[in-house]
Amino acid sequence: MTGPFNPRRAAKYPTAIGCDEVGRGALCGPVVVAAVWFDPRALPKDLFCELDDSKKITAARREHLARRIVETARVRVAAASSFTIDRTGIRTATLDAMRRAIAGLSLELAADDLPAYVDGLDVPPGLASRCEAVVRGDSTVPQIAASSIVAKTCRDRLMRMLGRRHPNYRWEKNAGYGTADHLDALARFGPTRHHRQSFRPVAQLSLGLEALVDVALDEVD
């Protein structure tokens, strides 16, 4: 299995931070962001060639790749809870989580001018390091591809954990997105405290939400 990155051309890619998010369009749960730094020339070739958009990789393979990325690269993960998303808006909450993840790596690496690349159109405000937004960056920047794998693996684990507490919504299958089974359960049982009240399918039910306490991602196996 190979992705868009050829290890023979690793030297053409910069040593940089890549950052991506997962869960922006979900109806419940947090947005999870990962920031990953590595020198492409130093990454194992068999790992480098498998980096890709996390949605193009099977769940089992993502788990394997995420473990290897954490073992061989520098990684930081940040999240914005559904409560924060409702309070500040999805865009602001996502960008702030990106800022926290990237800033954590920049401080660890002690390099204020270390370049960072984020997937999408927006650059997180308040960063000391140079940062550039890259549309479809998970297919052009290997560090962004790695961050998408880590972020999705982390969020899927978290949603499986929450799914065990709320089995009616089948979050272990739909990861909190607006699938038919999730929407049906939402109509039948109403929203949980993990749902985003500001998102239309939830808001239309006109039911209250309790504040969600942030879940510590490092407590999720």
N, C-alpha and C. Protein backbone atom coordinates (compact mmCIF):
# COMPACT_ATOMS: atom_id res chain seq x y z
N MET A 1 0.85 -1.20 0.00
CA MET A 1 0.00 0.00 0.00
C MET A 1 0.88 1.24 0.00
N THR A 2 0.61 2.16 -0.91
CA THR A 2 1.40 3.39 -0.98
C THR A 2 0.49 4.60 -1.10
N GLY A 3 0.96 5.71 -0.55
CA GLY A 3 0.24 6.96 -0.66
C GLY A 3 0.88 7.84 -1.71
N PRO A 4 0.67 9.17 -1.62
CA PRO A 4 1.18 10.08 -2.65
C PRO A 4 2.64 10.46 -2.49
N PHE A 5 3.32 9.97 -1.43
CA PHE A 5 4.66 10.44 -1.13
C PHE A 5 5.69 9.35 -1.46
N ASN A 6 6.65 9.71 -2.31
CA ASN A 6 7.69 8.79 -2.73
C ASN A 6 8.92 8.98 -1.85
N PRO A 7 9.34 7.96 -1.12
CA PRO A 7 10.50 8.12 -0.23
C PRO A 7 11.78 8.47 -0.97
N ARG A 8 11.85 8.16 -2.26
CA ARG A 8 13.04 8.53 -3.04
C ARG A 8 13.13 10.04 -3.23
N ARG A 9 12.01 10.73 -3.04
CA ARG A 9 11.99 12.18 -3.21
C ARG A 9 11.78 12.90 -1.87
N ALA A 10 12.10 12.21 -0.78
CA ALA A 10 11.86 12.77 0.55
C ALA A 10 12.58 14.09 0.76
N ALA A 11 13.75 14.24 0.15
CA ALA A 11 14.55 15.46 0.35
C ALA A 11 13.88 16.70 -0.20
N LYS A 12 12.89 16.55 -1.08
CA LYS A 12 12.23 17.73 -1.65
C LYS A 12 11.21 18.33 -0.69
N TYR A 13 10.86 17.58 0.35
CA TYR A 13 9.89 18.08 1.32
C TYR A 13 10.61 18.72 2.50
N PRO A 14 10.07 19.82 3.05
CA PRO A 14 10.76 20.51 4.14
C PRO A 14 10.62 19.79 5.47
N THR A 15 11.57 20.03 6.34
CA THR A 15 11.44 19.64 7.74
C THR A 15 10.51 20.67 8.38
N ALA A 16 9.35 20.23 8.82
CA ALA A 16 8.33 21.20 9.21
C ALA A 16 7.30 20.54 10.12
N ILE A 17 6.40 21.38 10.63
CA ILE A 17 5.24 20.90 11.37
C ILE A 17 4.06 20.83 10.40
N GLY A 18 3.32 19.75 10.46
CA GLY A 18 2.06 19.63 9.75
C GLY A 18 0.92 19.53 10.73
N CYS A 19 -0.23 20.09 10.40
CA CYS A 19 -1.35 20.12 11.33
C CYS A 19 -2.66 19.89 10.58
N ASP A 20 -3.51 19.05 11.17
CA ASP A 20 -4.81 18.78 10.56
C ASP A 20 -5.82 18.51 11.68
N GLU A 21 -7.10 18.65 11.32
CA GLU A 21 -8.18 18.41 12.28
C GLU A 21 -9.08 17.29 11.80
N VAL A 22 -9.81 16.72 12.75
CA VAL A 22 -10.82 15.72 12.45
C VAL A 22 -12.04 16.00 13.33
N GLY A 23 -13.22 15.89 12.74
CA GLY A 23 -14.46 16.06 13.50
C GLY A 23 -15.15 17.38 13.34
N ARG A 24 -14.67 18.20 12.43
CA ARG A 24 -15.27 19.53 12.27
C ARG A 24 -16.74 19.44 11.87
N GLY A 25 -17.11 18.47 11.05
CA GLY A 25 -18.49 18.36 10.58
C GLY A 25 -19.37 17.43 11.37
N ALA A 26 -18.86 16.88 12.46
CA ALA A 26 -19.65 15.95 13.27
C ALA A 26 -20.72 16.69 14.06
N LEU A 27 -21.74 15.95 14.50
CA LEU A 27 -22.81 16.54 15.30
C LEU A 27 -22.52 16.49 16.79
N CYS A 28 -21.53 15.73 17.18
CA CYS A 28 -21.22 15.62 18.60
C CYS A 28 -19.75 15.29 18.77
N GLY A 29 -19.31 15.37 20.02
CA GLY A 29 -17.92 15.09 20.32
C GLY A 29 -17.01 16.26 19.98
N PRO A 30 -15.74 16.15 20.33
CA PRO A 30 -14.81 17.24 20.10
C PRO A 30 -14.27 17.28 18.69
N VAL A 31 -13.71 18.42 18.33
CA VAL A 31 -12.78 18.50 17.21
C VAL A 31 -11.42 18.14 17.77
N VAL A 32 -10.73 17.23 17.10
CA VAL A 32 -9.40 16.81 17.54
C VAL A 32 -8.37 17.24 16.50
N VAL A 33 -7.30 17.83 16.98
CA VAL A 33 -6.23 18.35 16.12
C VAL A 33 -4.92 17.67 16.49
N ALA A 34 -4.14 17.32 15.50
CA ALA A 34 -2.79 16.82 15.74
C ALA A 34 -1.79 17.69 14.99
N ALA A 35 -0.66 17.92 15.61
CA ALA A 35 0.48 18.59 14.97
C ALA A 35 1.65 17.61 15.01
N VAL A 36 2.29 17.41 13.87
CA VAL A 36 3.37 16.42 13.75
C VAL A 36 4.58 17.07 13.09
N TRP A 37 5.74 16.84 13.68
CA TRP A 37 7.00 17.35 13.11
C TRP A 37 7.92 16.20 12.81
N PHE A 38 8.55 16.21 11.65
CA PHE A 38 9.64 15.29 11.35
C PHE A 38 10.43 15.79 10.15
N ASP A 39 11.65 15.28 10.04
CA ASP A 39 12.47 15.47 8.86
C ASP A 39 12.13 14.33 7.91
N PRO A 40 11.56 14.61 6.74
CA PRO A 40 11.16 13.53 5.83
C PRO A 40 12.30 12.58 5.47
N ARG A 41 13.51 13.08 5.46
CA ARG A 41 14.65 12.22 5.11
C ARG A 41 14.95 11.21 6.21
N ALA A 42 14.52 11.51 7.45
CA ALA A 42 14.82 10.63 8.57
C ALA A 42 13.70 9.64 8.87
N LEU A 43 12.55 9.85 8.27
CA LEU A 43 11.43 8.95 8.52
C LEU A 43 11.67 7.61 7.82
N PRO A 44 11.34 6.48 8.46
CA PRO A 44 11.48 5.19 7.77
C PRO A 44 10.77 5.20 6.43
N LYS A 45 11.40 4.68 5.40
CA LYS A 45 10.86 4.75 4.05
C LYS A 45 9.52 4.04 3.93
N ASP A 46 9.37 2.90 4.63
CA ASP A 46 8.11 2.17 4.52
C ASP A 46 6.96 2.92 5.17
N LEU A 47 7.27 3.74 6.18
CA LEU A 47 6.25 4.58 6.80
C LEU A 47 5.94 5.79 5.92
N PHE A 48 6.98 6.42 5.40
CA PHE A 48 6.80 7.61 4.57
C PHE A 48 5.89 7.33 3.38
N CYS A 49 6.07 6.19 2.74
CA CYS A 49 5.30 5.92 1.52
C CYS A 49 3.85 5.57 1.81
N GLU A 50 3.50 5.30 3.08
CA GLU A 50 2.11 4.98 3.42
C GLU A 50 1.33 6.19 3.94
N LEU A 51 1.99 7.30 4.16
CA LEU A 51 1.28 8.50 4.62
C LEU A 51 0.29 8.95 3.56
N ASP A 52 -0.91 9.31 4.02
CA ASP A 52 -1.96 9.71 3.08
C ASP A 52 -3.09 10.34 3.88
N ASP A 53 -4.07 10.86 3.17
CA ASP A 53 -5.31 11.34 3.78
C ASP A 53 -5.88 10.20 4.63
N SER A 54 -6.17 10.47 5.89
CA SER A 54 -6.61 9.42 6.80
C SER A 54 -7.89 8.74 6.33
N LYS A 55 -8.72 9.45 5.59
CA LYS A 55 -9.99 8.87 5.12
C LYS A 55 -9.75 7.80 4.05
N LYS A 56 -8.58 7.77 3.45
CA LYS A 56 -8.27 6.80 2.41
C LYS A 56 -7.62 5.53 2.97
N ILE A 57 -7.46 5.48 4.28
CA ILE A 57 -6.76 4.37 4.93
C ILE A 57 -7.74 3.63 5.84
N THR A 58 -7.67 2.31 5.86
CA THR A 58 -8.56 1.54 6.71
C THR A 58 -8.28 1.82 8.18
N ALA A 59 -9.28 1.58 9.02
CA ALA A 59 -9.14 1.86 10.45
C ALA A 59 -7.99 1.08 11.07
N ALA A 60 -7.87 -0.20 10.71
CA ALA A 60 -6.80 -1.02 11.27
C ALA A 60 -5.43 -0.49 10.86
N ARG A 61 -5.32 -0.07 9.60
CA ARG A 61 -4.04 0.46 9.13
C ARG A 61 -3.73 1.80 9.77
N ARG A 62 -4.76 2.63 9.97
CA ARG A 62 -4.55 3.92 10.65
C ARG A 62 -3.98 3.70 12.05
N GLU A 63 -4.53 2.73 12.78
CA GLU A 63 -4.04 2.45 14.13
C GLU A 63 -2.56 2.10 14.09
N HIS A 64 -2.18 1.25 13.16
CA HIS A 64 -0.78 0.85 13.04
C HIS A 64 0.11 2.04 12.68
N LEU A 65 -0.33 2.82 11.71
CA LEU A 65 0.48 3.96 11.27
C LEU A 65 0.58 5.02 12.37
N ALA A 66 -0.51 5.25 13.09
CA ALA A 66 -0.49 6.26 14.15
C ALA A 66 0.53 5.89 15.22
N ARG A 67 0.57 4.60 15.58
CA ARG A 67 1.56 4.17 16.58
C ARG A 67 2.98 4.42 16.08
N ARG A 68 3.23 4.13 14.82
CA ARG A 68 4.57 4.33 14.28
C ARG A 68 4.92 5.81 14.19
N ILE A 69 3.94 6.64 13.84
CA ILE A 69 4.20 8.07 13.76
C ILE A 69 4.58 8.62 15.13
N VAL A 70 3.84 8.21 16.15
CA VAL A 70 4.13 8.67 17.52
C VAL A 70 5.52 8.20 17.96
N GLU A 71 5.92 7.03 17.52
CA GLU A 71 7.22 6.48 17.91
C GLU A 71 8.39 7.15 17.19
N THR A 72 8.16 7.66 15.99
CA THR A 72 9.28 8.16 15.18
C THR A 72 9.26 9.67 14.94
N ALA A 73 8.18 10.34 15.25
CA ALA A 73 8.07 11.78 15.03
C ALA A 73 7.70 12.47 16.34
N ARG A 74 7.71 13.78 16.31
CA ARG A 74 7.22 14.56 17.47
C ARG A 74 5.76 14.91 17.22
N VAL A 75 4.93 14.66 18.22
CA VAL A 75 3.48 14.79 18.04
C VAL A 75 2.87 15.55 19.22
N ARG A 76 1.93 16.41 18.91
CA ARG A 76 1.11 17.06 19.93
C ARG A 76 -0.34 16.98 19.48
N VAL A 77 -1.23 16.72 20.43
CA VAL A 77 -2.67 16.63 20.14
C VAL A 77 -3.40 17.64 21.01
N ALA A 78 -4.38 18.32 20.43
CA ALA A 78 -5.24 19.24 21.16
C ALA A 78 -6.68 19.02 20.72
N ALA A 79 -7.62 19.49 21.52
CA ALA A 79 -9.03 19.27 21.18
C ALA A 79 -9.86 20.46 21.63
N ALA A 80 -11.03 20.60 21.02
CA ALA A 80 -12.04 21.58 21.43
C ALA A 80 -13.33 20.81 21.68
N SER A 81 -13.87 20.91 22.87
CA SER A 81 -15.07 20.16 23.25
C SER A 81 -16.30 20.72 22.55
N SER A 82 -17.37 19.95 22.60
CA SER A 82 -18.63 20.42 22.02
C SER A 82 -19.12 21.68 22.74
N PHE A 83 -18.87 21.78 24.03
CA PHE A 83 -19.25 22.99 24.76
C PHE A 83 -18.50 24.21 24.23
N THR A 84 -17.18 24.04 24.00
CA THR A 84 -16.39 25.14 23.45
C THR A 84 -16.85 25.49 22.04
N ILE A 85 -17.16 24.48 21.24
CA ILE A 85 -17.65 24.72 19.89
C ILE A 85 -18.94 25.51 19.91
N ASP A 86 -19.87 25.17 20.80
CA ASP A 86 -21.12 25.91 20.92
C ASP A 86 -20.89 27.34 21.39
N ARG A 87 -19.90 27.52 22.25
CA ARG A 87 -19.65 28.84 22.84
C ARG A 87 -18.93 29.78 21.89
N THR A 88 -17.95 29.26 21.12
CA THR A 88 -17.12 30.14 20.30
C THR A 88 -17.36 29.99 18.81
N GLY A 89 -18.01 28.90 18.39
CA GLY A 89 -18.17 28.62 16.97
C GLY A 89 -17.13 27.62 16.50
N ILE A 90 -17.48 26.83 15.50
CA ILE A 90 -16.61 25.74 15.07
C ILE A 90 -15.29 26.24 14.50
N ARG A 91 -15.31 27.32 13.73
CA ARG A 91 -14.08 27.82 13.12
C ARG A 91 -13.10 28.29 14.19
N THR A 92 -13.57 29.12 15.11
CA THR A 92 -12.70 29.64 16.16
C THR A 92 -12.17 28.52 17.04
N ALA A 93 -13.04 27.58 17.40
CA ALA A 93 -12.62 26.48 18.26
C ALA A 93 -11.56 25.62 17.58
N THR A 94 -11.73 25.37 16.28
CA THR A 94 -10.77 24.54 15.54
C THR A 94 -9.43 25.25 15.42
N LEU A 95 -9.44 26.52 15.07
CA LEU A 95 -8.19 27.25 14.91
C LEU A 95 -7.44 27.38 16.24
N ASP A 96 -8.18 27.53 17.34
CA ASP A 96 -7.51 27.62 18.63
C ASP A 96 -6.86 26.30 19.01
N ALA A 97 -7.54 25.18 18.70
CA ALA A 97 -6.92 23.88 18.96
C ALA A 97 -5.67 23.69 18.10
N MET A 98 -5.72 24.14 16.86
CA MET A 98 -4.53 24.08 16.00
C MET A 98 -3.40 24.93 16.58
N ARG A 99 -3.74 26.11 17.04
CA ARG A 99 -2.72 26.98 17.63
C ARG A 99 -2.04 26.30 18.81
N ARG A 100 -2.83 25.69 19.68
CA ARG A 100 -2.26 25.04 20.87
C ARG A 100 -1.37 23.86 20.50
N ALA A 101 -1.79 23.07 19.52
CA ALA A 101 -0.98 21.92 19.12
C ALA A 101 0.33 22.36 18.49
N ILE A 102 0.26 23.33 17.57
CA ILE A 102 1.47 23.80 16.89
C ILE A 102 2.40 24.50 17.86
N ALA A 103 1.84 25.34 18.74
CA ALA A 103 2.67 26.06 19.70
C ALA A 103 3.39 25.09 20.63
N GLY A 104 2.73 24.01 21.01
CA GLY A 104 3.37 23.03 21.86
C GLY A 104 4.60 22.42 21.22
N LEU A 105 4.52 22.11 19.93
CA LEU A 105 5.68 21.57 19.23
C LEU A 105 6.76 22.63 19.03
N SER A 106 6.37 23.84 18.72
CA SER A 106 7.36 24.90 18.49
C SER A 106 8.17 25.16 19.75
N LEU A 107 7.51 25.16 20.90
CA LEU A 107 8.22 25.38 22.16
C LEU A 107 9.17 24.23 22.44
N GLU A 108 8.72 23.01 22.17
CA GLU A 108 9.57 21.85 22.42
C GLU A 108 10.80 21.85 21.53
N LEU A 109 10.63 22.30 20.29
CA LEU A 109 11.73 22.30 19.35
C LEU A 109 12.61 23.54 19.47
N ALA A 110 12.15 24.52 20.25
CA ALA A 110 12.92 25.75 20.48
C ALA A 110 13.34 26.40 19.18
N ALA A 111 12.39 26.54 18.27
CA ALA A 111 12.69 27.17 16.97
C ALA A 111 11.51 28.04 16.57
N ASP A 112 11.62 29.34 16.87
CA ASP A 112 10.51 30.24 16.60
C ASP A 112 10.22 30.38 15.11
N ASP A 113 11.23 30.13 14.28
CA ASP A 113 11.03 30.29 12.83
C ASP A 113 10.72 28.96 12.15
N LEU A 114 10.41 27.92 12.91
CA LEU A 114 10.09 26.62 12.32
C LEU A 114 8.81 26.75 11.50
N PRO A 115 8.83 26.35 10.22
CA PRO A 115 7.61 26.48 9.42
C PRO A 115 6.54 25.48 9.84
N ALA A 116 5.30 25.90 9.71
CA ALA A 116 4.16 25.02 10.00
C ALA A 116 3.18 25.12 8.84
N TYR A 117 2.56 24.00 8.51
CA TYR A 117 1.58 23.93 7.44
C TYR A 117 0.31 23.31 7.98
N VAL A 118 -0.82 23.98 7.73
CA VAL A 118 -2.10 23.46 8.20
C VAL A 118 -2.97 23.13 6.98
N ASP A 119 -3.76 22.10 7.12
CA ASP A 119 -4.66 21.72 6.03
C ASP A 119 -5.85 22.66 5.98
N GLY A 120 -6.20 23.13 4.80
CA GLY A 120 -7.39 23.97 4.66
C GLY A 120 -7.08 25.37 4.18
N LEU A 121 -7.94 26.30 4.58
CA LEU A 121 -7.85 27.68 4.10
C LEU A 121 -7.39 28.67 5.15
N ASP A 122 -7.49 28.30 6.44
CA ASP A 122 -7.26 29.26 7.51
C ASP A 122 -5.97 28.97 8.26
N VAL A 123 -5.29 30.04 8.67
CA VAL A 123 -4.09 29.95 9.49
C VAL A 123 -4.46 30.31 10.92
N PRO A 124 -4.09 29.49 11.90
CA PRO A 124 -4.39 29.83 13.29
C PRO A 124 -3.72 31.14 13.70
N PRO A 125 -4.43 32.03 14.38
CA PRO A 125 -3.81 33.27 14.82
C PRO A 125 -2.94 33.06 16.05
N GLY A 126 -2.02 33.98 16.28
CA GLY A 126 -1.26 33.99 17.51
C GLY A 126 -0.07 33.06 17.56
N LEU A 127 0.44 32.62 16.41
CA LEU A 127 1.59 31.72 16.39
C LEU A 127 2.89 32.51 16.22
N ALA A 128 3.94 32.07 16.93
CA ALA A 128 5.24 32.70 16.76
C ALA A 128 5.93 32.18 15.50
N SER A 129 5.65 30.94 15.12
CA SER A 129 6.29 30.34 13.96
C SER A 129 5.56 30.71 12.67
N ARG A 130 6.28 30.62 11.56
CA ARG A 130 5.66 30.83 10.25
C ARG A 130 4.63 29.74 10.01
N CYS A 131 3.51 30.12 9.43
CA CYS A 131 2.44 29.15 9.21
C CYS A 131 1.77 29.44 7.88
N GLU A 132 1.45 28.38 7.15
CA GLU A 132 0.82 28.52 5.84
C GLU A 132 -0.31 27.51 5.72
N ALA A 133 -1.44 27.96 5.19
CA ALA A 133 -2.57 27.07 4.93
C ALA A 133 -2.40 26.42 3.57
N VAL A 134 -2.67 25.13 3.49
CA VAL A 134 -2.49 24.37 2.25
C VAL A 134 -3.78 23.60 1.97
N VAL A 135 -4.45 23.93 0.88
CA VAL A 135 -5.65 23.21 0.50
C VAL A 135 -5.28 21.79 0.08
N ARG A 136 -6.01 20.81 0.61
CA ARG A 136 -5.71 19.39 0.36
C ARG A 136 -4.26 19.07 0.72
N GLY A 137 -3.83 19.62 1.83
CA GLY A 137 -2.45 19.44 2.26
C GLY A 137 -2.08 18.02 2.60
N ASP A 138 -3.10 17.18 2.92
CA ASP A 138 -2.78 15.80 3.27
C ASP A 138 -2.31 14.99 2.07
N SER A 139 -2.39 15.56 0.88
CA SER A 139 -1.86 14.87 -0.30
C SER A 139 -0.60 15.52 -0.85
N THR A 140 -0.17 16.64 -0.24
CA THR A 140 1.02 17.34 -0.73
C THR A 140 2.08 17.59 0.34
N VAL A 141 1.70 17.56 1.60
CA VAL A 141 2.64 17.80 2.70
C VAL A 141 2.64 16.55 3.60
N PRO A 142 3.73 15.80 3.67
CA PRO A 142 3.70 14.54 4.42
C PRO A 142 3.39 14.71 5.90
N GLN A 143 3.84 15.82 6.49
CA GLN A 143 3.54 16.04 7.91
C GLN A 143 2.05 16.26 8.14
N ILE A 144 1.36 16.90 7.19
CA ILE A 144 -0.09 17.06 7.32
C ILE A 144 -0.78 15.71 7.21
N ALA A 145 -0.33 14.88 6.27
CA ALA A 145 -0.91 13.53 6.16
C ALA A 145 -0.73 12.76 7.46
N ALA A 146 0.45 12.85 8.05
CA ALA A 146 0.70 12.16 9.32
C ALA A 146 -0.20 12.70 10.42
N SER A 147 -0.39 14.02 10.44
CA SER A 147 -1.24 14.60 11.49
C SER A 147 -2.70 14.19 11.31
N SER A 148 -3.15 14.03 10.07
CA SER A 148 -4.53 13.60 9.86
C SER A 148 -4.74 12.18 10.35
N ILE A 149 -3.75 11.32 10.19
CA ILE A 149 -3.83 9.95 10.67
C ILE A 149 -3.89 9.91 12.20
N VAL A 150 -3.02 10.67 12.84
CA VAL A 150 -3.00 10.70 14.30
C VAL A 150 -4.30 11.28 14.85
N ALA A 151 -4.76 12.39 14.27
CA ALA A 151 -5.98 13.03 14.77
C ALA A 151 -7.19 12.13 14.63
N LYS A 152 -7.33 11.48 13.48
CA LYS A 152 -8.50 10.62 13.28
C LYS A 152 -8.45 9.39 14.18
N THR A 153 -7.27 8.80 14.33
CA THR A 153 -7.14 7.65 15.22
C THR A 153 -7.52 8.03 16.64
N CYS A 154 -7.04 9.16 17.10
CA CYS A 154 -7.32 9.63 18.45
C CYS A 154 -8.81 9.90 18.63
N ARG A 155 -9.42 10.60 17.67
CA ARG A 155 -10.83 10.94 17.82
C ARG A 155 -11.72 9.69 17.71
N ASP A 156 -11.38 8.78 16.82
CA ASP A 156 -12.18 7.55 16.70
C ASP A 156 -12.13 6.75 18.00
N ARG A 157 -10.97 6.69 18.64
CA ARG A 157 -10.88 6.00 19.93
C ARG A 157 -11.78 6.67 20.96
N LEU A 158 -11.73 7.99 20.99
CA LEU A 158 -12.55 8.73 21.94
C LEU A 158 -14.04 8.50 21.69
N MET A 159 -14.46 8.51 20.42
CA MET A 159 -15.87 8.30 20.11
C MET A 159 -16.31 6.87 20.43
N ARG A 160 -15.41 5.90 20.29
CA ARG A 160 -15.76 4.54 20.71
C ARG A 160 -15.97 4.48 22.21
N MET A 161 -15.13 5.17 22.95
CA MET A 161 -15.28 5.21 24.40
C MET A 161 -16.61 5.87 24.80
N LEU A 162 -16.93 7.00 24.17
CA LEU A 162 -18.20 7.66 24.47
C LEU A 162 -19.38 6.81 24.00
N GLY A 163 -19.17 6.06 22.90
CA GLY A 163 -20.23 5.21 22.38
C GLY A 163 -20.62 4.11 23.35
N ARG A 164 -19.68 3.64 24.15
CA ARG A 164 -20.02 2.62 25.16
C ARG A 164 -20.91 3.20 26.23
N ARG A 165 -20.80 4.50 26.48
CA ARG A 165 -21.65 5.15 27.48
C ARG A 165 -23.02 5.52 26.92
N HIS A 166 -23.10 5.69 25.61
CA HIS A 166 -24.35 6.09 24.95
C HIS A 166 -24.58 5.18 23.74
N PRO A 167 -24.90 3.92 23.96
CA PRO A 167 -24.95 2.95 22.86
C PRO A 167 -26.04 3.21 21.83
N ASN A 168 -27.08 3.96 22.17
CA ASN A 168 -28.17 4.19 21.22
C ASN A 168 -27.72 4.91 19.96
N TYR A 169 -26.64 5.69 20.04
CA TYR A 169 -26.25 6.57 18.93
C TYR A 169 -25.22 5.93 18.00
N ARG A 170 -24.68 4.79 18.38
CA ARG A 170 -23.74 4.03 17.55
C ARG A 170 -22.52 4.87 17.12
N TRP A 171 -21.99 5.63 18.06
CA TRP A 171 -20.83 6.46 17.74
C TRP A 171 -19.61 5.65 17.40
N GLU A 172 -19.55 4.40 17.86
CA GLU A 172 -18.42 3.56 17.50
C GLU A 172 -18.42 3.25 16.01
N LYS A 173 -19.57 3.43 15.34
CA LYS A 173 -19.69 3.21 13.91
C LYS A 173 -19.66 4.51 13.11
N ASN A 174 -20.37 5.53 13.61
CA ASN A 174 -20.50 6.77 12.82
C ASN A 174 -19.63 7.92 13.31
N ALA A 175 -18.91 7.72 14.43
CA ALA A 175 -17.98 8.72 14.97
C ALA A 175 -18.65 10.08 15.22
N GLY A 176 -19.97 10.07 15.40
CA GLY A 176 -20.67 11.30 15.71
C GLY A 176 -21.13 12.10 14.52
N TYR A 177 -20.92 11.60 13.31
CA TYR A 177 -21.37 12.32 12.11
C TYR A 177 -22.87 12.07 11.88
N GLY A 178 -23.46 12.85 10.99
CA GLY A 178 -24.91 12.84 10.80
C GLY A 178 -25.38 11.72 9.90
N THR A 179 -25.05 10.50 10.23
CA THR A 179 -25.53 9.35 9.46
C THR A 179 -27.00 9.09 9.79
N ALA A 180 -27.62 8.22 8.98
CA ALA A 180 -29.04 7.93 9.18
C ALA A 180 -29.32 7.34 10.56
N ASP A 181 -28.45 6.43 11.01
CA ASP A 181 -28.70 5.82 12.31
C ASP A 181 -28.51 6.82 13.45
N HIS A 182 -27.55 7.74 13.29
CA HIS A 182 -27.34 8.76 14.31
C HIS A 182 -28.52 9.73 14.37
N LEU A 183 -28.98 10.18 13.20
CA LEU A 183 -30.10 11.12 13.16
C LEU A 183 -31.38 10.47 13.70
N ASP A 184 -31.56 9.19 13.41
CA ASP A 184 -32.73 8.48 13.93
C ASP A 184 -32.68 8.40 15.45
N ALA A 185 -31.51 8.08 16.01
CA ALA A 185 -31.38 8.03 17.47
C ALA A 185 -31.54 9.40 18.10
N LEU A 186 -31.06 10.42 17.41
CA LEU A 186 -31.20 11.79 17.92
C LEU A 186 -32.67 12.18 18.00
N ALA A 187 -33.46 11.79 16.99
CA ALA A 187 -34.89 12.10 16.99
C ALA A 187 -35.63 11.31 18.07
N ARG A 188 -35.19 10.09 18.32
CA ARG A 188 -35.89 9.22 19.28
C ARG A 188 -35.51 9.51 20.72
N PHE A 189 -34.22 9.77 20.97
CA PHE A 189 -33.74 9.87 22.34
C PHE A 189 -33.31 11.28 22.73
N GLY A 190 -33.23 12.19 21.74
CA GLY A 190 -32.78 13.54 22.05
C GLY A 190 -31.27 13.61 22.16
N PRO A 191 -30.74 14.82 22.29
CA PRO A 191 -29.28 15.00 22.35
C PRO A 191 -28.72 14.64 23.72
N THR A 192 -27.47 14.23 23.73
CA THR A 192 -26.72 14.02 24.96
C THR A 192 -25.94 15.30 25.27
N ARG A 193 -25.23 15.27 26.36
CA ARG A 193 -24.41 16.44 26.70
C ARG A 193 -23.22 16.58 25.77
N HIS A 194 -22.93 15.54 24.98
CA HIS A 194 -21.81 15.59 24.05
C HIS A 194 -22.20 16.14 22.68
N HIS A 195 -23.49 16.35 22.44
CA HIS A 195 -23.92 16.89 21.15
C HIS A 195 -23.68 18.40 21.08
N ARG A 196 -23.51 18.88 19.85
CA ARG A 196 -23.27 20.30 19.61
C ARG A 196 -24.62 20.99 19.39
N GLN A 197 -25.05 21.71 20.39
CA GLN A 197 -26.38 22.32 20.34
C GLN A 197 -26.50 23.35 19.23
N SER A 198 -25.38 23.95 18.85
CA SER A 198 -25.42 25.00 17.83
C SER A 198 -25.51 24.44 16.42
N PHE A 199 -25.34 23.13 16.25
CA PHE A 199 -25.45 22.53 14.93
C PHE A 199 -26.91 22.24 14.61
N ARG A 200 -27.33 22.53 13.39
CA ARG A 200 -28.74 22.57 13.03
C ARG A 200 -29.54 21.32 13.40
N PRO A 201 -29.09 20.11 13.07
CA PRO A 201 -29.93 18.94 13.42
C PRO A 201 -30.18 18.80 14.91
N VAL A 202 -29.25 19.29 15.73
CA VAL A 202 -29.43 19.24 17.17
C VAL A 202 -30.26 20.42 17.63
N ALA A 203 -29.95 21.60 17.12
CA ALA A 203 -30.66 22.80 17.53
C ALA A 203 -32.15 22.73 17.20
N GLN A 204 -32.50 22.05 16.13
CA GLN A 204 -33.90 21.98 15.71
C GLN A 204 -34.77 21.21 16.70
N LEU A 205 -34.13 20.41 17.55
CA LEU A 205 -34.90 19.67 18.55
C LEU A 205 -35.34 20.56 19.70
N SER A 206 -34.72 21.76 19.80
CA SER A 206 -35.10 22.74 20.83
C SER A 206 -35.00 22.16 22.23
N LEU A 207 -33.95 21.39 22.48
CA LEU A 207 -33.73 20.82 23.79
C LEU A 207 -32.44 21.39 24.37
N GLY A 208 -32.35 21.43 25.69
CA GLY A 208 -31.17 21.99 26.34
C GLY A 208 -29.99 21.04 26.29
N LEU A 209 -28.83 21.60 26.52
CA LEU A 209 -27.58 20.83 26.58
C LEU A 209 -26.87 21.14 27.88
N GLU A 210 -26.28 20.13 28.47
CA GLU A 210 -25.41 20.33 29.61
C GLU A 210 -24.01 20.64 29.09
N ALA A 211 -23.24 21.35 29.88
CA ALA A 211 -21.87 21.66 29.48
C ALA A 211 -21.03 20.39 29.51
N LEU A 212 -20.23 20.21 28.50
CA LEU A 212 -19.36 19.05 28.41
C LEU A 212 -17.99 19.39 28.97
N VAL A 213 -17.58 18.61 29.93
CA VAL A 213 -16.24 18.76 30.45
C VAL A 213 -15.27 18.12 29.47
N ASP A 214 -14.19 18.81 29.18
CA ASP A 214 -13.21 18.27 28.23
C ASP A 214 -12.74 16.90 28.66
N VAL A 215 -12.64 16.00 27.71
CA VAL A 215 -12.13 14.66 27.97
C VAL A 215 -10.64 14.65 27.70
N ALA A 216 -9.87 14.18 28.67
CA ALA A 216 -8.42 14.12 28.49
C ALA A 216 -8.07 13.01 27.50
N LEU A 217 -7.50 13.41 26.38
CA LEU A 217 -7.24 12.45 25.32
C LEU A 217 -6.20 11.42 25.73
N ASP A 218 -5.30 11.80 26.64
CA ASP A 218 -4.29 10.83 27.01
C ASP A 218 -4.81 9.75 27.93
N GLU A 219 -6.09 9.84 28.34
CA GLU A 219 -6.71 8.79 29.13
C GLU A 219 -7.37 7.75 28.25
N VAL A 220 -7.42 8.00 26.95
CA VAL A 220 -8.03 7.06 26.03
C VAL A 220 -6.98 6.10 25.52
N ASP A 221 -7.17 4.82 25.70
CA ASP A 221 -6.19 3.82 25.26
C ASP A 221 -6.13 3.77 23.73
